[in-house]
Amino acid sequence: MSTQAALEKLQEYFGYSSFRPGQDQIIEAILAGHDCLAILPTGGGKSICYQIPALLLPGLTVVISPLISLMKDQVDSLNRYGIPAAYLNSATSSDDYQTIVQGIYSGQLKLLYLAPERLDQTGFADWLAQQNISMLAVDEAHCLSQWGHDFRPSYRQIKGFLAKLAIRPVLAAFTATATARVQADIIQQLDLNQPQTFVASFDRPNIRLTVQQPEAKMKALMSRLNHDQATIIYAQTRKNVDKIYDHLKKKGYATAKYHAGLTSQDRQVSQEAFIHDQVNIIVATNAFGMGIDKTDVRQVIHYNMPTDLESYYQEAGRAGRDGLPAEAVLLFSKQDIMTAKFLIRDNQDPYVDRRLQAMIQYANQTSCLRHYLLAYFGEDQPGSCGNCSVCLGQHQVKDMTREAQMILSCLIRMGYAYGATLLAQVLRGANNQKIRDKGFDRLSTYGLMQAYPEGQVKDIISQLLADGYLRLTDYRGLVVTERAREILAGTKQIFIKEELATAKSRPFTKPDLPVVDDDLYEILRQVRYRLAKEEGVPAYVIFSNQSLADMANQQPTEYSEFLAVEGVGEIKAEKYWEEFTQAILDYQDQQD
């Protein structure tokens, strides 16, 4: 089956004249019958890589997907393109189920989306195994790996299901984040047959990477927000989500929140409000986001540091999926390190500490952030990127070895695993009952750092913890490690990255679109918004920002011209061309 046939389907259904880099090779391999493992960045077009083959292969393509919301979004979008697709979950009605079954029997249905848990149902799995399955696509395949950041045991059912099939279909696994270890585990767990592995660049050059260390996080956060641009704010805990949400609501921002403490209905309402542009800001834990296909998110802000770089990369990658300028911001404080260490204390994963250390090193980077991030995923990018906070010169590095020696000496003299707050109070010479009762006011280290703000002392403590010179007990007490001898002896140095006073927070401004006529673009955007509201779908499902920009530039007034716009396929052209071309004609009349 030729690449030309795949290109024709791409143009016919999706309205694109060419594939993104790497997509054509993956599609060609699948059509040739090869098992595949494809690692493409978030927003890199993974879905197209199995949707196009599904249209060309004779039988059914089964897609394993982790979330109901993800399946629904994908299927709704495919149906809008005129592609026969369906999903099955626990909420599927009996009538809908029968319609899907008939679609499979007749051969009309091309894609069926399932959660992996569905394969636990023996009767269903046995029935499905008897159908004409041409391809099994596994989305978010990193969930298979115990070495991954989002292990889902239910994904292990896939291999057993494959064993039930009389004729083994082509098997393709897709993910946005997978280190070499995770890739090897995916291949083993799925028993991929001599797979062709495709690893696209992890770089998302349109996303500015920013690490900011503000004295007041909430103030820094507020300075970055506006009432227009779509923004996701991630916080580590439900308590922080609620705190940020309440604060933003009081300030008049259109905001939703999302975490596991809310009912499933409330979470769905929040998600829909954000996707349909009823609110432009959502505050969430990491429970939000997998499979959310909102292309026009301009900022992803992490209020707290995640516990691993894989999660951070995937969450940050939800910005700028339309290819336009966007920003991923980490509001980092050294105390995040202590919180993260505490959160992973009971994790049995032997690599959890290593992954956290990689995340801490990213937050503390004094060289190009993009270079470090890409190197973590095994990709080399020499030189500086020119689009991260380090390359843009927003930080400086200070030697804090002397201060570190004071802290370590004081903790040793205190003689027990006390917490960071009490340690900082002793060093700053606080005069309270607890310090007097324990005799800490008589230590030689008492008051040694009275000229330092408490926050700065705690930052250095957190850095010592991150670098392994201190260890955290189960009760959040601090213990000096053997490595600390190197600091105390002066054979090792401690450096702290500090933000320059000139590196101010600023709201993310509207990205520059390649549009000749901004007024027409805004008119077309309003047409899109009206149509989306009438149909009850997100605006980007009608057309992407890039398609509107191309439309504003080309100003098509005939069907054939409209069909030539980037991202306009035959199905959408038939449905929408009159609405948009009429708006263009009206605009042109006003200009004459």
Protein backbone atom coordinates (compact mmCIF):
# COMPACT_ATOMS: atom_id res chain seq x y z
CA MET A 1 0.00 0.00 0.00
CA SER A 2 1.55 3.30 -1.08
CA THR A 3 2.40 6.46 0.80
CA GLN A 4 0.44 8.25 -1.92
CA ALA A 5 -2.76 6.51 -0.81
CA ALA A 6 -2.09 7.66 2.76
CA LEU A 7 -1.53 11.23 1.56
CA GLU A 8 -4.82 11.16 -0.32
CA LYS A 9 -6.67 10.09 2.84
CA LEU A 10 -4.90 12.81 4.81
CA GLN A 11 -6.03 15.45 2.33
CA GLU A 12 -9.53 14.04 1.93
CA TYR A 13 -10.39 13.74 5.62
CA PHE A 14 -8.05 16.08 7.49
CA GLY A 15 -7.31 18.73 4.87
CA TYR A 16 -3.51 18.58 5.06
CA SER A 17 -1.30 18.27 1.99
CA SER A 18 1.69 16.74 3.78
CA PHE A 19 2.57 14.76 6.89
CA ARG A 20 4.54 16.11 9.81
CA PRO A 21 8.14 14.85 10.06
CA GLY A 22 8.20 11.14 10.86
CA GLN A 23 4.48 10.47 10.44
CA ASP A 24 4.82 9.11 6.90
CA GLN A 25 7.53 6.63 7.95
CA ILE A 26 5.41 5.28 10.81
CA ILE A 27 2.32 4.96 8.60
CA GLU A 28 4.34 3.27 5.86
CA ALA A 29 5.73 0.72 8.36
CA ILE A 30 2.25 -0.08 9.72
CA LEU A 31 0.80 -0.51 6.22
CA ALA A 32 3.69 -2.85 5.40
CA GLY A 33 2.66 -5.03 8.36
CA HIS A 34 5.48 -4.15 10.78
CA ASP A 35 4.97 -3.79 14.54
CA CYS A 36 5.93 -0.29 15.64
CA LEU A 37 6.88 1.70 18.71
CA ALA A 38 6.52 5.43 18.07
CA ILE A 39 7.73 8.09 20.50
CA LEU A 40 6.36 11.47 19.43
CA PRO A 41 6.14 14.62 21.56
CA THR A 42 2.81 15.85 22.92
CA GLY A 43 1.15 17.66 20.04
CA GLY A 44 3.32 15.76 17.56
CA GLY A 45 0.42 14.07 15.75
CA LYS A 46 0.44 10.54 17.18
CA SER A 47 -3.24 9.89 16.42
CA ILE A 48 -2.86 10.46 12.67
CA CYS A 49 -0.27 7.66 12.62
CA TYR A 50 -2.90 5.02 13.38
CA GLN A 51 -6.03 6.79 12.07
CA ILE A 52 -4.77 6.99 8.48
CA PRO A 53 -3.77 3.28 8.36
CA ALA A 54 -7.16 2.41 9.88
CA LEU A 55 -8.81 3.97 6.83
CA LEU A 56 -6.65 1.93 4.45
CA LEU A 57 -6.53 -1.46 6.19
CA PRO A 58 -9.39 -3.88 5.40
CA GLY A 59 -10.56 -4.70 8.91
CA LEU A 60 -11.15 -3.04 12.29
CA THR A 61 -8.56 -1.01 14.17
CA VAL A 62 -8.85 -1.39 17.96
CA VAL A 63 -7.37 1.52 19.92
CA ILE A 64 -6.50 1.02 23.59
CA SER A 65 -6.83 4.37 25.37
CA PRO A 66 -6.61 5.14 29.11
CA LEU A 67 -9.37 7.71 29.63
CA ILE A 68 -13.05 7.97 28.74
CA SER A 69 -12.69 11.70 28.06
CA LEU A 70 -9.81 11.03 25.66
CA MET A 71 -11.80 8.38 23.79
CA LYS A 72 -14.86 10.62 23.53
CA ASP A 73 -12.86 13.58 22.20
CA GLN A 74 -11.09 11.43 19.61
CA VAL A 75 -14.26 9.71 18.42
CA ASP A 76 -16.27 12.96 18.26
CA SER A 77 -13.51 14.54 16.21
CA LEU A 78 -13.23 11.54 13.85
CA ASN A 79 -16.99 11.43 13.30
CA ARG A 80 -16.89 15.14 12.47
CA TYR A 81 -14.29 14.35 9.80
CA GLY A 82 -16.65 11.69 8.43
CA ILE A 83 -14.63 8.74 9.75
CA PRO A 84 -16.71 5.87 11.22
CA ALA A 85 -15.38 5.45 14.78
CA ALA A 86 -16.90 4.52 18.15
CA TYR A 87 -15.91 3.91 21.75
CA LEU A 88 -17.14 1.48 24.38
CA ASN A 89 -17.17 2.17 28.10
CA SER A 90 -19.31 1.43 31.14
CA ALA A 91 -21.69 4.27 30.24
CA THR A 92 -22.45 2.98 26.73
CA SER A 93 -26.19 2.34 26.39
CA SER A 94 -27.60 -0.97 25.15
CA ASP A 95 -28.82 0.64 21.92
CA ASP A 96 -25.45 2.26 21.23
CA TYR A 97 -23.72 -1.03 21.99
CA GLN A 98 -25.85 -2.85 19.44
CA THR A 99 -25.18 -0.16 16.84
CA ILE A 100 -21.43 -0.57 17.40
CA VAL A 101 -21.66 -4.36 17.15
CA GLN A 102 -23.57 -4.08 13.87
CA GLY A 103 -20.97 -1.63 12.58
CA ILE A 104 -18.25 -4.17 13.33
CA TYR A 105 -20.17 -7.06 11.74
CA SER A 106 -20.87 -5.05 8.59
CA GLY A 107 -17.30 -3.82 8.30
CA GLN A 108 -18.40 -0.18 8.28
CA LEU A 109 -16.80 0.73 11.60
CA LYS A 110 -13.09 1.47 11.13
CA LEU A 111 -11.91 2.39 14.64
CA LEU A 112 -13.07 1.11 18.03
CA TYR A 113 -11.67 2.77 21.17
CA LEU A 114 -11.50 0.77 24.41
CA ALA A 115 -10.12 1.23 27.90
CA PRO A 116 -7.68 -1.57 28.78
CA GLU A 117 -9.97 -2.67 31.64
CA ARG A 118 -12.51 -3.74 29.01
CA LEU A 119 -10.20 -6.60 28.09
CA ASP A 120 -10.66 -7.97 31.64
CA GLN A 121 -14.19 -8.96 30.65
CA THR A 122 -13.60 -12.48 29.36
CA GLY A 123 -16.82 -12.76 27.36
CA PHE A 124 -16.25 -9.47 25.58
CA ALA A 125 -12.56 -10.17 24.93
CA ASP A 126 -13.40 -13.61 23.48
CA TRP A 127 -16.06 -12.08 21.21
CA LEU A 128 -13.78 -9.26 20.03
CA ALA A 129 -10.99 -11.75 19.31
CA GLN A 130 -13.24 -13.40 16.71
CA GLN A 131 -13.63 -10.18 14.69
CA ASN A 132 -11.57 -9.09 11.70
CA ILE A 133 -8.95 -6.95 13.46
CA SER A 134 -6.31 -5.47 11.17
CA MET A 135 -4.46 -3.36 13.75
CA LEU A 136 -4.21 -2.93 17.50
CA ALA A 137 -3.01 0.56 18.46
CA VAL A 138 -1.92 1.22 22.06
CA ASP A 139 -2.09 4.89 22.99
CA GLU A 140 -0.21 6.30 26.02
CA ALA A 141 1.89 3.11 25.92
CA HIS A 142 4.17 4.30 28.74
CA CYS A 143 1.34 3.17 31.05
CA LEU A 144 2.56 -0.39 30.34
CA SER A 145 5.90 0.11 32.03
CA GLN A 146 6.58 -0.15 35.71
CA TRP A 147 9.58 2.12 35.06
CA GLY A 148 7.30 4.80 33.62
CA HIS A 149 5.78 7.71 35.54
CA ASP A 150 2.18 6.60 35.03
CA PHE A 151 2.12 2.79 35.34
CA ARG A 152 -1.34 1.26 34.80
CA PRO A 153 -1.49 -2.49 35.62
CA SER A 154 -4.61 -2.88 33.44
CA TYR A 155 -2.43 -2.28 30.36
CA ARG A 156 -0.83 -5.66 31.02
CA GLN A 157 -4.08 -7.30 29.79
CA ILE A 158 -3.27 -6.39 26.20
CA LYS A 159 -0.72 -9.16 25.73
CA GLY A 160 -3.22 -11.79 26.92
CA PHE A 161 -5.83 -10.48 24.51
CA LEU A 162 -3.42 -10.75 21.59
CA ALA A 163 -2.87 -14.42 22.43
CA LYS A 164 -6.60 -15.05 21.82
CA LEU A 165 -6.45 -13.86 18.21
CA ALA A 166 -6.30 -16.51 15.51
CA ILE A 167 -4.50 -14.08 13.19
CA ARG A 168 -2.17 -11.62 14.88
CA PRO A 169 -2.79 -8.05 13.63
CA VAL A 170 -0.13 -5.40 13.25
CA LEU A 171 0.60 -3.86 16.65
CA ALA A 172 1.55 -0.20 17.09
CA ALA A 173 2.37 1.48 20.41
CA PHE A 174 2.45 5.25 20.86
CA THR A 175 3.60 7.56 23.64
CA ALA A 176 4.98 11.05 24.11
CA THR A 177 7.40 10.21 26.93
CA ALA A 178 9.60 7.16 27.15
CA THR A 179 13.21 6.84 28.22
CA ALA A 180 15.27 4.00 26.72
CA ARG A 181 14.40 1.79 29.70
CA VAL A 182 10.67 2.44 29.28
CA GLN A 183 10.89 1.78 25.53
CA ALA A 184 12.50 -1.61 26.17
CA ASP A 185 9.83 -2.46 28.73
CA ILE A 186 6.99 -1.55 26.32
CA ILE A 187 8.48 -3.82 23.64
CA GLN A 188 8.76 -6.68 26.12
CA GLN A 189 5.33 -6.26 27.73
CA LEU A 190 3.54 -6.13 24.37
CA ASP A 191 5.76 -8.81 22.85
CA LEU A 192 6.28 -6.63 19.79
CA ASN A 193 7.55 -8.67 16.85
CA GLN A 194 10.83 -7.20 15.56
CA PRO A 195 9.37 -3.72 15.92
CA GLN A 196 10.45 -0.68 14.01
CA THR A 197 11.10 2.04 16.58
CA PHE A 198 10.60 5.68 15.70
CA VAL A 199 11.75 8.39 18.07
CA ALA A 200 10.86 11.88 16.88
CA SER A 201 12.55 14.91 18.33
CA PHE A 202 11.30 15.72 21.81
CA ASP A 203 11.89 19.40 21.11
CA ARG A 204 8.93 21.74 21.04
CA PRO A 205 10.70 24.89 19.86
CA ASN A 206 7.54 27.03 20.02
CA ILE A 207 7.36 26.56 23.82
CA ARG A 208 9.48 28.92 25.89
CA LEU A 209 10.83 27.07 28.95
CA THR A 210 10.92 29.21 32.08
CA VAL A 211 11.99 28.42 35.63
CA GLN A 212 11.22 31.23 38.04
CA GLN A 213 12.11 31.34 41.75
CA PRO A 214 9.87 34.08 43.11
CA GLU A 215 9.81 35.24 46.71
CA ALA A 216 5.99 35.18 46.61
CA LYS A 217 4.55 32.50 44.33
CA MET A 218 0.97 33.75 44.31
CA LYS A 219 2.08 37.24 43.34
CA ALA A 220 4.27 35.82 40.57
CA LEU A 221 1.40 33.66 39.34
CA MET A 222 -1.05 36.55 39.25
CA SER A 223 1.35 38.69 37.23
CA ARG A 224 1.34 36.03 34.48
CA LEU A 225 -2.42 35.72 34.04
CA ASN A 226 -4.91 37.53 31.84
CA HIS A 227 -8.58 37.11 30.99
CA ASP A 228 -8.04 35.88 27.44
CA GLN A 229 -5.31 33.28 26.96
CA ALA A 230 -6.03 29.63 27.81
CA THR A 231 -3.87 28.65 30.81
CA ILE A 232 -3.42 25.43 32.79
CA ILE A 233 -2.10 25.83 36.36
CA TYR A 234 -0.81 22.63 37.96
CA ALA A 235 -0.49 22.35 41.74
CA GLN A 236 0.89 19.43 43.74
CA THR A 237 -2.01 18.99 46.17
CA ARG A 238 -5.78 19.40 46.27
CA LYS A 239 -5.34 21.95 49.04
CA ASN A 240 -3.18 24.13 46.80
CA VAL A 241 -5.60 23.75 43.90
CA ASP A 242 -8.47 24.94 46.09
CA LYS A 243 -6.39 27.84 47.46
CA ILE A 244 -5.35 29.08 44.01
CA TYR A 245 -8.84 28.60 42.58
CA ASP A 246 -10.48 30.56 45.41
CA HIS A 247 -7.95 33.38 45.04
CA LEU A 248 -8.47 33.65 41.28
CA LYS A 249 -12.24 33.62 41.61
CA LYS A 250 -12.09 36.47 44.13
CA LYS A 251 -9.96 38.42 41.66
CA GLY A 252 -12.58 37.98 38.95
CA TYR A 253 -10.89 35.41 36.73
CA ALA A 254 -12.99 32.91 34.76
CA THR A 255 -11.58 29.79 36.41
CA ALA A 256 -12.36 26.10 36.88
CA LYS A 257 -10.68 23.52 39.10
CA TYR A 258 -10.01 19.80 38.73
CA HIS A 259 -8.78 17.21 41.23
CA ALA A 260 -9.64 13.73 42.50
CA GLY A 261 -11.48 15.15 45.52
CA LEU A 262 -14.28 16.43 43.27
CA THR A 263 -17.10 14.22 42.01
CA SER A 264 -16.69 12.78 38.52
CA GLN A 265 -19.56 15.02 37.39
CA ASP A 266 -17.88 18.16 38.79
CA ARG A 267 -14.60 17.19 37.12
CA GLN A 268 -16.39 16.69 33.81
CA VAL A 269 -18.12 20.08 34.12
CA SER A 270 -14.76 21.78 34.81
CA GLN A 271 -13.07 20.04 31.90
CA GLU A 272 -15.87 20.88 29.48
CA ALA A 273 -15.91 24.53 30.64
CA PHE A 274 -12.19 24.85 29.88
CA ILE A 275 -12.31 23.01 26.56
CA HIS A 276 -15.33 25.00 25.36
CA ASP A 277 -13.75 28.35 26.32
CA GLN A 278 -16.34 29.12 29.02
CA VAL A 279 -13.34 29.71 31.30
CA ASN A 280 -9.80 30.49 30.17
CA ILE A 281 -8.01 29.14 33.28
CA ILE A 282 -8.12 25.72 34.92
CA VAL A 283 -6.31 24.92 38.18
CA ALA A 284 -5.62 21.21 38.59
CA THR A 285 -3.57 18.41 40.05
CA ASN A 286 -1.86 16.03 37.65
CA ALA A 287 -5.17 14.13 37.45
CA PHE A 288 -6.05 16.56 34.64
CA GLY A 289 -4.77 16.63 31.13
CA MET A 290 -4.00 13.22 29.64
CA GLY A 291 -5.58 13.18 26.21
CA ILE A 292 -6.93 16.72 26.42
CA ASP A 293 -6.69 17.90 22.84
CA LYS A 294 -7.12 21.64 23.39
CA THR A 295 -4.72 23.08 20.87
CA ASP A 296 -4.72 26.76 21.88
CA VAL A 297 -3.33 26.56 25.43
CA ARG A 298 -0.83 29.41 25.64
CA GLN A 299 0.60 28.79 29.12
CA VAL A 300 1.13 25.81 31.38
CA ILE A 301 2.22 26.98 34.81
CA HIS A 302 3.44 24.59 37.50
CA TYR A 303 2.85 26.15 40.91
CA ASN A 304 4.85 23.33 42.49
CA MET A 305 7.67 21.18 41.17
CA PRO A 306 6.53 17.70 39.97
CA THR A 307 8.34 14.61 41.24
CA ASP A 308 9.71 13.54 37.85
CA LEU A 309 10.78 15.08 34.56
CA GLU A 310 8.61 12.77 32.43
CA SER A 311 5.44 14.12 34.05
CA TYR A 312 6.69 17.68 33.75
CA TYR A 313 7.50 17.29 30.06
CA GLN A 314 4.12 15.75 29.30
CA GLU A 315 2.18 18.38 31.26
CA ALA A 316 4.22 21.29 29.92
CA GLY A 317 3.71 19.92 26.41
CA ARG A 318 -0.01 20.68 26.64
CA ALA A 319 0.92 24.25 25.76
CA GLY A 320 1.12 25.39 22.15
CA ARG A 321 -0.20 22.29 20.42
CA ASP A 322 -1.26 24.55 17.55
CA GLY A 323 2.41 25.28 16.86
CA LEU A 324 2.11 28.93 17.91
CA PRO A 325 4.29 30.54 20.61
CA ALA A 326 3.52 29.31 24.13
CA GLU A 327 5.25 29.10 27.50
CA ALA A 328 5.85 26.44 30.14
CA VAL A 329 6.60 28.01 33.52
CA LEU A 330 7.85 26.31 36.67
CA LEU A 331 7.36 28.46 39.77
CA PHE A 332 10.06 26.80 41.82
CA SER A 333 10.99 27.20 45.44
CA LYS A 334 13.68 25.21 47.16
CA GLN A 335 11.08 24.05 49.68
CA ASP A 336 9.37 22.16 46.84
CA ILE A 337 12.28 19.74 47.14
CA MET A 338 11.38 18.86 50.72
CA THR A 339 7.71 18.39 49.80
CA ALA A 340 8.62 16.16 46.85
CA LYS A 341 10.98 14.05 48.95
CA PHE A 342 8.19 13.53 51.46
CA LEU A 343 5.65 12.61 48.76
CA ILE A 344 7.82 9.81 47.33
CA ARG A 345 9.02 8.41 50.66
CA ASP A 346 6.85 5.25 50.45
CA ASN A 347 7.20 4.70 46.71
CA GLN A 348 8.58 1.22 45.98
CA ASP A 349 9.88 2.13 42.54
CA PRO A 350 13.68 1.77 42.75
CA TYR A 351 14.12 4.62 40.27
CA VAL A 352 11.88 7.16 41.99
CA ASP A 353 14.78 8.99 43.68
CA ARG A 354 16.72 9.16 40.42
CA ARG A 355 13.74 10.63 38.59
CA LEU A 356 13.18 13.24 41.31
CA GLN A 357 16.85 14.17 41.21
CA ALA A 358 16.59 14.77 37.45
CA MET A 359 13.61 17.07 38.06
CA ILE A 360 15.50 19.01 40.75
CA GLN A 361 18.48 19.41 38.45
CA TYR A 362 16.19 20.86 35.77
CA ALA A 363 14.83 23.41 38.26
CA ASN A 364 18.38 24.33 39.29
CA GLN A 365 19.90 24.37 35.79
CA THR A 366 22.41 27.12 35.10
CA SER A 367 22.77 26.13 31.43
CA CYS A 368 20.19 25.78 28.65
CA LEU A 369 16.95 24.20 29.95
CA ARG A 370 16.02 22.79 26.55
CA HIS A 371 19.42 21.18 26.13
CA TYR A 372 19.07 19.51 29.56
CA LEU A 373 15.50 18.33 28.89
CA LEU A 374 16.36 16.85 25.50
CA ALA A 375 19.50 15.17 26.87
CA TYR A 376 17.37 13.46 29.53
CA PHE A 377 15.38 11.79 26.75
CA GLY A 378 18.54 10.83 24.89
CA GLU A 379 18.57 13.64 22.34
CA ASP A 380 21.46 15.99 21.73
CA GLN A 381 21.04 19.68 20.98
CA PRO A 382 24.33 21.54 20.95
CA GLY A 383 24.53 25.17 22.01
CA SER A 384 21.86 27.34 23.56
CA CYS A 385 18.23 27.44 22.42
CA GLY A 386 17.66 31.18 22.89
CA ASN A 387 14.13 30.49 24.15
CA CYS A 388 14.47 29.52 27.80
CA SER A 389 14.94 31.57 30.97
CA VAL A 390 18.60 30.54 31.30
CA CYS A 391 19.55 31.41 27.72
CA LEU A 392 17.66 34.69 28.10
CA GLY A 393 19.86 35.55 31.11
CA GLN A 394 17.25 35.73 33.86
CA HIS A 395 19.37 34.13 36.61
CA GLN A 396 22.71 34.33 38.38
CA VAL A 397 24.67 31.78 40.42
CA LYS A 398 25.99 32.41 43.94
CA ASP A 399 28.46 30.41 46.05
CA MET A 400 26.74 29.41 49.31
CA THR A 401 29.36 26.99 50.63
CA ARG A 402 30.05 28.99 53.80
CA GLU A 403 26.35 29.21 54.60
CA ALA A 404 25.97 25.47 53.96
CA GLN A 405 28.75 24.76 56.46
CA MET A 406 26.92 26.83 59.08
CA ILE A 407 23.71 24.87 58.51
CA LEU A 408 25.36 21.44 58.67
CA SER A 409 27.38 22.37 61.75
CA CYS A 410 24.27 23.64 63.53
CA LEU A 411 22.25 20.49 62.80
CA ILE A 412 25.09 18.29 64.07
CA ARG A 413 25.23 20.32 67.31
CA MET A 414 21.45 20.12 67.76
CA GLY A 415 21.99 16.37 68.02
CA TYR A 416 18.69 15.13 66.58
CA ALA A 417 16.62 14.99 63.35
CA TYR A 418 14.81 18.31 63.69
CA GLY A 419 12.79 19.95 60.91
CA ALA A 420 13.87 22.75 58.60
CA THR A 421 11.82 25.42 60.39
CA LEU A 422 13.40 24.85 63.81
CA LEU A 423 16.87 24.58 62.28
CA ALA A 424 16.38 27.90 60.48
CA GLN A 425 15.08 29.52 63.68
CA VAL A 426 18.18 28.46 65.65
CA LEU A 427 20.50 29.72 62.92
CA ARG A 428 18.65 33.04 62.79
CA GLY A 429 18.75 33.46 66.57
CA ALA A 430 15.01 33.18 67.27
CA ASN A 431 14.09 33.61 70.93
CA ASN A 432 11.23 31.23 71.69
CA GLN A 433 10.37 28.78 74.46
CA LYS A 434 11.23 25.63 72.51
CA ILE A 435 14.70 26.87 71.65
CA ARG A 436 15.37 27.92 75.24
CA ASP A 437 14.02 24.65 76.71
CA LYS A 438 16.33 22.59 74.50
CA GLY A 439 19.30 24.84 75.19
CA PHE A 440 19.80 25.66 71.51
CA ASP A 441 20.36 29.30 72.40
CA ARG A 442 23.67 28.24 74.00
CA LEU A 443 25.01 26.56 70.84
CA SER A 444 27.97 28.21 69.12
CA THR A 445 25.96 28.19 65.88
CA TYR A 446 22.98 30.01 67.42
CA GLY A 447 22.30 33.24 65.52
CA LEU A 448 25.07 32.69 62.97
CA MET A 449 22.67 33.51 60.12
CA GLN A 450 20.57 36.21 61.76
CA ALA A 451 21.23 38.55 58.82
CA TYR A 452 19.66 36.08 56.36
CA PRO A 453 15.90 35.94 55.63
CA GLU A 454 14.27 32.71 56.81
CA GLY A 455 13.28 31.85 53.25
CA GLN A 456 16.87 32.01 52.07
CA VAL A 457 18.08 29.78 54.92
CA LYS A 458 15.39 27.24 54.04
CA ASP A 459 16.36 27.42 50.37
CA ILE A 460 19.94 26.45 51.21
CA ILE A 461 18.67 23.64 53.46
CA SER A 462 16.54 22.35 50.57
CA GLN A 463 19.51 22.51 48.22
CA LEU A 464 21.59 20.46 50.67
CA LEU A 465 18.75 17.95 50.77
CA ALA A 466 18.56 17.82 46.96
CA ASP A 467 22.33 17.27 46.67
CA GLY A 468 22.32 14.43 49.19
CA TYR A 469 24.11 16.22 52.03
CA LEU A 470 20.96 15.99 54.14
CA ARG A 471 18.39 13.20 54.35
CA LEU A 472 14.70 13.41 55.28
CA THR A 473 13.26 11.01 57.87
CA ASP A 474 9.71 9.60 57.80
CA TYR A 475 8.72 12.41 60.16
CA ARG A 476 10.27 15.13 57.97
CA GLY A 477 13.25 15.52 60.26
CA LEU A 478 16.68 16.29 58.79
CA VAL A 479 19.73 14.06 59.15
CA VAL A 480 23.31 14.91 58.08
CA THR A 481 24.66 12.29 55.65
CA GLU A 482 28.18 10.97 55.25
CA ARG A 483 28.60 13.06 52.09
CA ALA A 484 28.32 16.25 54.17
CA ARG A 485 31.92 15.78 55.29
CA GLU A 486 32.98 17.08 51.87
CA ILE A 487 31.16 20.38 52.44
CA LEU A 488 32.37 20.71 56.02
CA ALA A 489 35.96 20.02 54.93
CA GLY A 490 35.70 22.54 52.09
CA THR A 491 36.44 20.00 49.35
CA LYS A 492 33.00 20.54 47.75
CA GLN A 493 31.10 23.74 47.05
CA ILE A 494 27.38 24.58 47.03
CA PHE A 495 25.99 26.94 44.42
CA ILE A 496 22.49 28.43 44.46
CA LYS A 497 20.72 29.81 41.40
CA GLU A 498 19.05 33.14 42.09
CA GLU A 499 16.69 35.14 39.92
CA LEU A 500 17.94 38.52 38.76
CA ALA A 501 15.95 41.52 39.91
CA THR A 502 15.41 42.44 36.25
CA ALA A 503 13.71 39.09 35.52
CA LYS A 504 10.17 40.20 36.17
CA SER A 505 7.07 38.08 35.69
CA ARG A 506 4.91 39.26 32.86
CA PRO A 507 1.63 38.12 31.41
CA PHE A 508 1.89 35.96 28.34
CA THR A 509 0.94 38.13 25.38
CA LYS A 510 -1.10 37.04 22.39
CA PRO A 511 1.21 35.19 19.97
CA ASP A 512 1.98 36.73 16.63
CA LEU A 513 -0.01 34.85 14.02
CA PRO A 514 1.19 34.82 10.42
CA VAL A 515 -1.91 36.84 9.48
CA VAL A 516 -1.97 39.61 6.89
CA ASP A 517 -5.32 40.96 8.08
CA ASP A 518 -5.98 40.86 11.84
CA ASP A 519 -9.49 42.29 11.48
CA LEU A 520 -10.60 39.50 9.15
CA TYR A 521 -8.97 36.90 11.38
CA GLU A 522 -11.03 38.18 14.32
CA ILE A 523 -14.25 38.02 12.24
CA LEU A 524 -13.47 34.41 11.26
CA ARG A 525 -12.73 33.61 14.90
CA GLN A 526 -16.18 34.89 15.87
CA VAL A 527 -17.80 32.76 13.15
CA ARG A 528 -15.94 29.73 14.51
CA TYR A 529 -17.02 30.54 18.06
CA ARG A 530 -20.69 30.81 17.03
CA LEU A 531 -20.61 27.52 15.14
CA ALA A 532 -18.86 25.76 18.04
CA LYS A 533 -21.46 27.05 20.46
CA GLU A 534 -24.32 25.93 18.21
CA GLU A 535 -22.84 22.45 17.86
CA GLY A 536 -21.71 22.12 21.47
CA VAL A 537 -18.08 21.42 20.59
CA PRO A 538 -14.78 23.18 21.35
CA ALA A 539 -13.85 25.92 18.89
CA TYR A 540 -10.66 24.17 17.79
CA VAL A 541 -12.74 21.17 16.63
CA ILE A 542 -14.30 23.41 13.95
CA PHE A 543 -10.94 24.75 12.72
CA SER A 544 -7.56 25.37 14.33
CA ASN A 545 -6.06 28.84 14.76
CA GLN A 546 -3.60 27.97 12.01
CA SER A 547 -6.46 27.17 9.63
CA LEU A 548 -8.13 30.51 10.42
CA ALA A 549 -4.85 32.33 9.84
CA ASP A 550 -4.44 30.65 6.45
CA MET A 551 -8.09 31.43 5.66
CA ALA A 552 -7.59 35.12 6.52
CA ASN A 553 -4.53 35.24 4.28
CA GLN A 554 -5.99 33.38 1.29
CA GLN A 555 -9.50 34.88 1.61
CA PRO A 556 -11.26 32.08 -0.30
CA THR A 557 -14.67 32.90 -1.75
CA GLU A 558 -15.31 29.70 -3.76
CA TYR A 559 -15.61 26.08 -2.62
CA SER A 560 -12.47 24.96 -4.46
CA GLU A 561 -10.48 27.82 -2.88
CA PHE A 562 -11.84 27.02 0.57
CA LEU A 563 -10.80 23.38 0.16
CA ALA A 564 -7.21 24.55 -0.43
CA VAL A 565 -6.98 26.13 3.05
CA GLU A 566 -4.61 24.30 5.42
CA GLY A 567 -6.56 21.90 7.63
CA VAL A 568 -9.77 21.92 5.57
CA GLY A 569 -10.79 18.46 4.35
CA GLU A 570 -13.71 17.56 2.12
CA ILE A 571 -16.13 16.80 4.96
CA LYS A 572 -15.50 20.10 6.75
CA ALA A 573 -15.47 22.03 3.51
CA GLU A 574 -18.94 20.71 2.63
CA LYS A 575 -20.20 21.64 6.07
CA TYR A 576 -18.66 25.06 6.65
CA TRP A 577 -17.52 26.67 3.43
CA GLU A 578 -20.61 28.83 2.95
CA GLU A 579 -20.48 30.27 6.49
CA PHE A 580 -16.83 31.29 6.25
CA THR A 581 -16.75 32.42 2.64
CA GLN A 582 -19.83 34.58 3.22
CA ALA A 583 -18.06 36.24 6.15
CA ILE A 584 -15.06 36.89 3.90
CA LEU A 585 -17.26 38.32 1.11
CA ASP A 586 -19.05 40.61 3.58
CA TYR A 587 -15.69 41.82 4.88
CA GLN A 588 -14.38 42.46 1.37
CA ASP A 589 -17.52 44.47 0.55
CA GLN A 590 -16.95 46.67 3.60
CA GLN A 591 -13.37 47.36 2.49
CA ASP A 592 -14.39 48.51 -1.01
